[in-house]
Amino acid sequence: LAPAVIDRMVEGDKPPQLGGEEREISVLFSDVAGFTALSEGLTPGELVATMNVYLSAMTGIVEANGGFVDKYIGDAIVAVFGAPADDPAHARAAVTAALECQAKLAQLNDDPARPFRGKRLGARIGVNTGRALVGNIGSPNRMSYTVLGDGVNVAAYLELANKAFDTAICVSQSVVREAGHRLCVRPLDQMSVKSRQSAILVFELLGIHLGRKRL
């Protein structure tokens, strides 16, 4: 469970219950580029050590920006902003985390200590803001605090869109709308998603203007 969820359970002195609520959140979906090739060039022990360095660094950034890691899917990260604690600026927090993750990855790649066993890692990130079901999902004996819904699926599709557009971070129109006018983006195209009626307008995230600086 996310630390914030555990704290809330301890304070309430109640066992977790199945169920959830629908709310607007921002979801960050990140995946390592070329993971299969990376796996082939490392022993299992080296691969685990490499991914632990990467996942620890990215998780630290997510949590520093008020989000929590919902799950790891192999080398992929699903992070949530705006739950369980309310955060009106969850979209801004998510894009800030995305930019900081890419900056940290570049720093680790150039580290003389070779934290990635001499390999250079790349990452693709998708960020979406939308409605999702947030809560304890599963069975009475095995449950997980997680998020479900179209908003989560769109974030995953946006991560994949980076392959087609040769970009590092793709965000949706809802992120651009909610994150504020200081967001620096480049319109890319509309993306049709199977079993989804409306197309997704995709933007490349370039940075955030901070006065005279840009993140």
Protein backbone atom coordinates (compact mmCIF):
# COMPACT_ATOMS: atom_id res chain seq x y z
CA LEU A 1 0.00 0.00 0.00
CA ALA A 2 0.98 3.62 -0.43
CA PRO A 3 2.41 5.17 2.78
CA ALA A 4 -0.44 7.70 2.89
CA VAL A 5 -3.01 4.89 2.79
CA ILE A 6 -1.30 3.03 5.62
CA ASP A 7 -1.17 6.21 7.73
CA ARG A 8 -4.89 6.76 7.20
CA MET A 9 -5.67 3.16 8.20
CA VAL A 10 -3.57 3.44 11.37
CA GLU A 11 -5.20 6.74 12.35
CA GLY A 12 -8.70 5.34 11.76
CA ASP A 13 -7.97 2.05 13.53
CA LYS A 14 -10.09 0.21 10.94
CA PRO A 15 -9.19 -2.79 8.76
CA PRO A 16 -9.18 -2.19 4.99
CA GLN A 17 -12.45 -2.82 3.16
CA LEU A 18 -13.16 -3.58 -0.48
CA GLY A 19 -14.55 -0.68 -2.47
CA GLY A 20 -13.60 2.70 -3.83
CA GLU A 21 -14.69 6.04 -5.17
CA GLU A 22 -14.60 7.76 -8.54
CA ARG A 23 -12.46 10.87 -8.67
CA GLU A 24 -10.25 12.87 -11.01
CA ILE A 25 -6.57 11.99 -10.83
CA SER A 26 -3.45 12.12 -12.96
CA VAL A 27 -1.64 8.93 -13.94
CA LEU A 28 1.97 8.61 -15.05
CA PHE A 29 2.90 5.49 -16.99
CA SER A 30 6.62 4.94 -17.60
CA ASP A 31 8.45 2.17 -19.43
CA VAL A 32 12.12 1.48 -20.16
CA ALA A 33 12.96 1.66 -23.87
CA GLY A 34 14.74 -1.38 -25.26
CA PHE A 35 14.26 -3.46 -22.14
CA THR A 36 14.45 -6.78 -24.03
CA ALA A 37 17.85 -5.91 -25.51
CA LEU A 38 19.02 -4.71 -22.10
CA SER A 39 17.94 -8.00 -20.50
CA GLU A 40 19.85 -10.07 -23.05
CA GLY A 41 23.11 -8.24 -22.31
CA LEU A 42 23.04 -8.69 -18.52
CA THR A 43 23.00 -11.60 -16.12
CA PRO A 44 19.83 -11.95 -14.00
CA GLY A 45 21.68 -10.53 -10.98
CA GLU A 46 22.99 -7.56 -12.97
CA LEU A 47 19.54 -6.91 -14.43
CA VAL A 48 17.90 -6.88 -10.98
CA ALA A 49 20.59 -4.55 -9.62
CA THR A 50 20.22 -2.22 -12.59
CA MET A 51 16.43 -2.07 -12.35
CA ASN A 52 16.55 -1.51 -8.59
CA VAL A 53 18.73 1.58 -9.12
CA TYR A 54 16.39 2.87 -11.82
CA LEU A 55 13.12 2.12 -10.01
CA SER A 56 14.39 3.56 -6.73
CA ALA A 57 15.39 6.83 -8.38
CA MET A 58 12.11 7.20 -10.27
CA THR A 59 10.00 6.24 -7.24
CA GLY A 60 11.76 8.85 -5.12
CA ILE A 61 10.83 11.55 -7.64
CA VAL A 62 7.20 10.41 -7.80
CA GLU A 63 6.86 10.51 -4.02
CA ALA A 64 8.69 13.85 -3.73
CA ASN A 65 6.01 15.34 -6.00
CA GLY A 66 3.13 13.98 -3.92
CA GLY A 67 2.36 10.88 -5.95
CA PHE A 68 2.56 7.19 -5.14
CA VAL A 69 3.61 4.18 -7.17
CA ASP A 70 0.53 2.05 -7.75
CA LYS A 71 2.54 -0.86 -9.16
CA TYR A 72 5.63 -2.00 -11.00
CA ILE A 73 4.98 -4.09 -14.10
CA GLY A 74 8.42 -5.49 -14.81
CA ASP A 75 10.35 -2.38 -15.83
CA ALA A 76 7.18 -0.25 -16.09
CA ILE A 77 5.96 2.16 -13.42
CA VAL A 78 2.33 3.18 -12.84
CA ALA A 79 2.19 6.26 -10.60
CA VAL A 80 -0.87 8.15 -9.32
CA PHE A 81 -1.26 11.80 -8.36
CA GLY A 82 -4.32 13.19 -6.58
CA ALA A 83 -5.09 10.10 -4.48
CA PRO A 84 -5.39 9.00 -1.76
CA ALA A 85 -4.80 12.58 -0.55
CA ASP A 86 -6.57 15.33 -2.47
CA ASP A 87 -4.29 17.53 -4.54
CA PRO A 88 -5.91 20.18 -6.78
CA ALA A 89 -2.58 20.52 -8.64
CA HIS A 90 -2.20 16.78 -9.38
CA ALA A 91 -1.76 17.34 -13.14
CA ARG A 92 1.04 19.84 -12.54
CA ALA A 93 2.66 17.45 -10.07
CA ALA A 94 2.53 14.59 -12.58
CA VAL A 95 4.18 16.51 -15.42
CA THR A 96 6.81 17.89 -13.04
CA ALA A 97 7.61 14.34 -11.96
CA ALA A 98 7.81 13.21 -15.60
CA LEU A 99 10.34 15.91 -16.47
CA GLU A 100 12.37 15.26 -13.34
CA CYS A 101 12.43 11.53 -14.06
CA GLN A 102 13.90 12.11 -17.50
CA ALA A 103 16.47 14.56 -16.09
CA LYS A 104 17.48 12.10 -13.37
CA LEU A 105 17.78 9.28 -15.89
CA ALA A 106 20.15 11.39 -18.01
CA GLN A 107 22.20 12.11 -14.89
CA LEU A 108 22.42 8.41 -14.01
CA ASN A 109 23.44 7.54 -17.57
CA ASP A 110 26.36 9.99 -17.33
CA ASP A 111 27.41 8.92 -13.83
CA PRO A 112 31.07 7.76 -13.86
CA ALA A 113 30.11 5.17 -11.21
CA ARG A 114 28.22 3.32 -13.98
CA PRO A 115 25.06 2.57 -11.93
CA PHE A 116 23.53 0.79 -14.95
CA ARG A 117 26.49 -1.57 -15.46
CA GLY A 118 27.74 0.52 -18.36
CA LYS A 119 24.38 0.45 -20.15
CA ARG A 120 22.44 3.58 -21.11
CA LEU A 121 18.74 3.46 -20.27
CA GLY A 122 16.01 5.38 -22.02
CA ALA A 123 12.44 5.79 -20.82
CA ARG A 124 9.10 6.64 -22.40
CA ILE A 125 6.47 8.38 -20.27
CA GLY A 126 2.76 8.98 -20.77
CA VAL A 127 0.68 11.25 -18.53
CA ASN A 128 -3.11 11.57 -18.49
CA THR A 129 -5.65 13.35 -16.31
CA GLY A 130 -9.13 11.89 -16.00
CA ARG A 131 -11.75 10.08 -13.96
CA ALA A 132 -10.86 6.76 -12.38
CA LEU A 133 -12.03 4.39 -9.68
CA VAL A 134 -9.70 4.66 -6.70
CA GLY A 135 -9.81 2.21 -3.82
CA ASN A 136 -9.25 -1.33 -2.55
CA ILE A 137 -9.71 -3.81 -5.39
CA GLY A 138 -9.50 -7.60 -5.18
CA SER A 139 -10.92 -10.10 -2.73
CA PRO A 140 -11.50 -10.08 1.05
CA ASN A 141 -8.29 -12.08 1.51
CA ARG A 142 -6.13 -10.28 -1.03
CA MET A 143 -6.71 -6.65 -1.98
CA SER A 144 -4.68 -3.80 -3.39
CA TYR A 145 -5.14 -0.05 -3.22
CA THR A 146 -5.11 0.84 -6.89
CA VAL A 147 -6.77 2.79 -9.70
CA LEU A 148 -8.93 1.49 -12.56
CA GLY A 149 -10.61 3.13 -15.52
CA ASP A 150 -10.25 4.76 -18.90
CA GLY A 151 -8.01 7.49 -17.50
CA VAL A 152 -5.43 4.88 -16.54
CA ASN A 153 -5.62 3.11 -19.90
CA VAL A 154 -5.08 6.37 -21.78
CA ALA A 155 -1.85 7.02 -19.85
CA ALA A 156 -0.58 3.61 -21.00
CA TYR A 157 -1.49 4.38 -24.62
CA LEU A 158 0.29 7.75 -24.38
CA GLU A 159 3.45 5.99 -23.21
CA LEU A 160 3.28 3.76 -26.28
CA ALA A 161 2.69 6.79 -28.51
CA ASN A 162 6.24 7.92 -27.86
CA LYS A 163 7.43 5.09 -30.12
CA ALA A 164 5.44 6.44 -33.05
CA PHE A 165 6.35 10.09 -32.51
CA ASP A 166 9.99 9.48 -31.43
CA THR A 167 9.43 11.48 -28.24
CA ALA A 168 10.17 10.99 -24.55
CA ILE A 169 7.02 12.30 -22.83
CA CYS A 170 3.51 12.39 -24.29
CA VAL A 171 0.58 14.00 -22.46
CA SER A 172 -3.13 14.33 -23.19
CA GLN A 173 -5.20 17.43 -23.80
CA SER A 174 -6.71 17.08 -20.32
CA VAL A 175 -3.23 17.36 -18.80
CA VAL A 176 -2.52 20.48 -20.84
CA ARG A 177 -5.83 21.98 -19.74
CA GLU A 178 -5.43 21.17 -16.05
CA ALA A 179 -1.70 21.80 -15.60
CA GLY A 180 -1.91 25.49 -16.41
CA HIS A 181 -0.68 27.97 -19.01
CA ARG A 182 2.99 27.62 -18.04
CA LEU A 183 3.19 24.16 -19.56
CA CYS A 184 5.38 24.05 -22.67
CA VAL A 185 4.05 21.47 -25.16
CA ARG A 186 4.07 20.69 -28.87
CA PRO A 187 0.87 19.38 -30.52
CA LEU A 188 1.53 16.07 -32.27
CA ASP A 189 -1.58 14.35 -33.62
CA GLN A 190 -4.81 12.61 -32.77
CA MET A 191 -4.48 9.01 -31.70
CA SER A 192 -7.25 6.48 -32.17
CA VAL A 193 -7.45 3.78 -29.54
CA LYS A 194 -9.10 0.41 -30.10
CA SER A 195 -12.49 0.04 -28.32
CA ARG A 196 -12.55 3.75 -27.49
CA GLN A 197 -15.03 6.00 -29.29
CA SER A 198 -13.21 9.33 -29.07
CA ALA A 199 -9.65 9.96 -30.29
CA ILE A 200 -6.91 11.26 -28.00
CA LEU A 201 -5.18 14.54 -28.83
CA VAL A 202 -1.50 13.96 -28.10
CA PHE A 203 1.07 16.57 -27.06
CA GLU A 204 4.80 16.28 -26.50
CA LEU A 205 5.82 17.68 -23.12
CA LEU A 206 8.85 19.93 -23.50
CA GLY A 207 9.03 21.70 -20.14
CA ILE A 208 7.44 23.99 -17.57
CA HIS A 209 8.12 27.71 -17.53
CA LEU A 210 9.23 28.88 -14.09
CA GLY A 211 9.56 32.65 -14.49
CA ARG A 212 12.64 33.10 -16.67
CA LYS A 213 13.66 29.45 -16.25
CA ARG A 214 12.26 26.30 -17.73
CA LEU A 215 12.20 22.93 -16.04
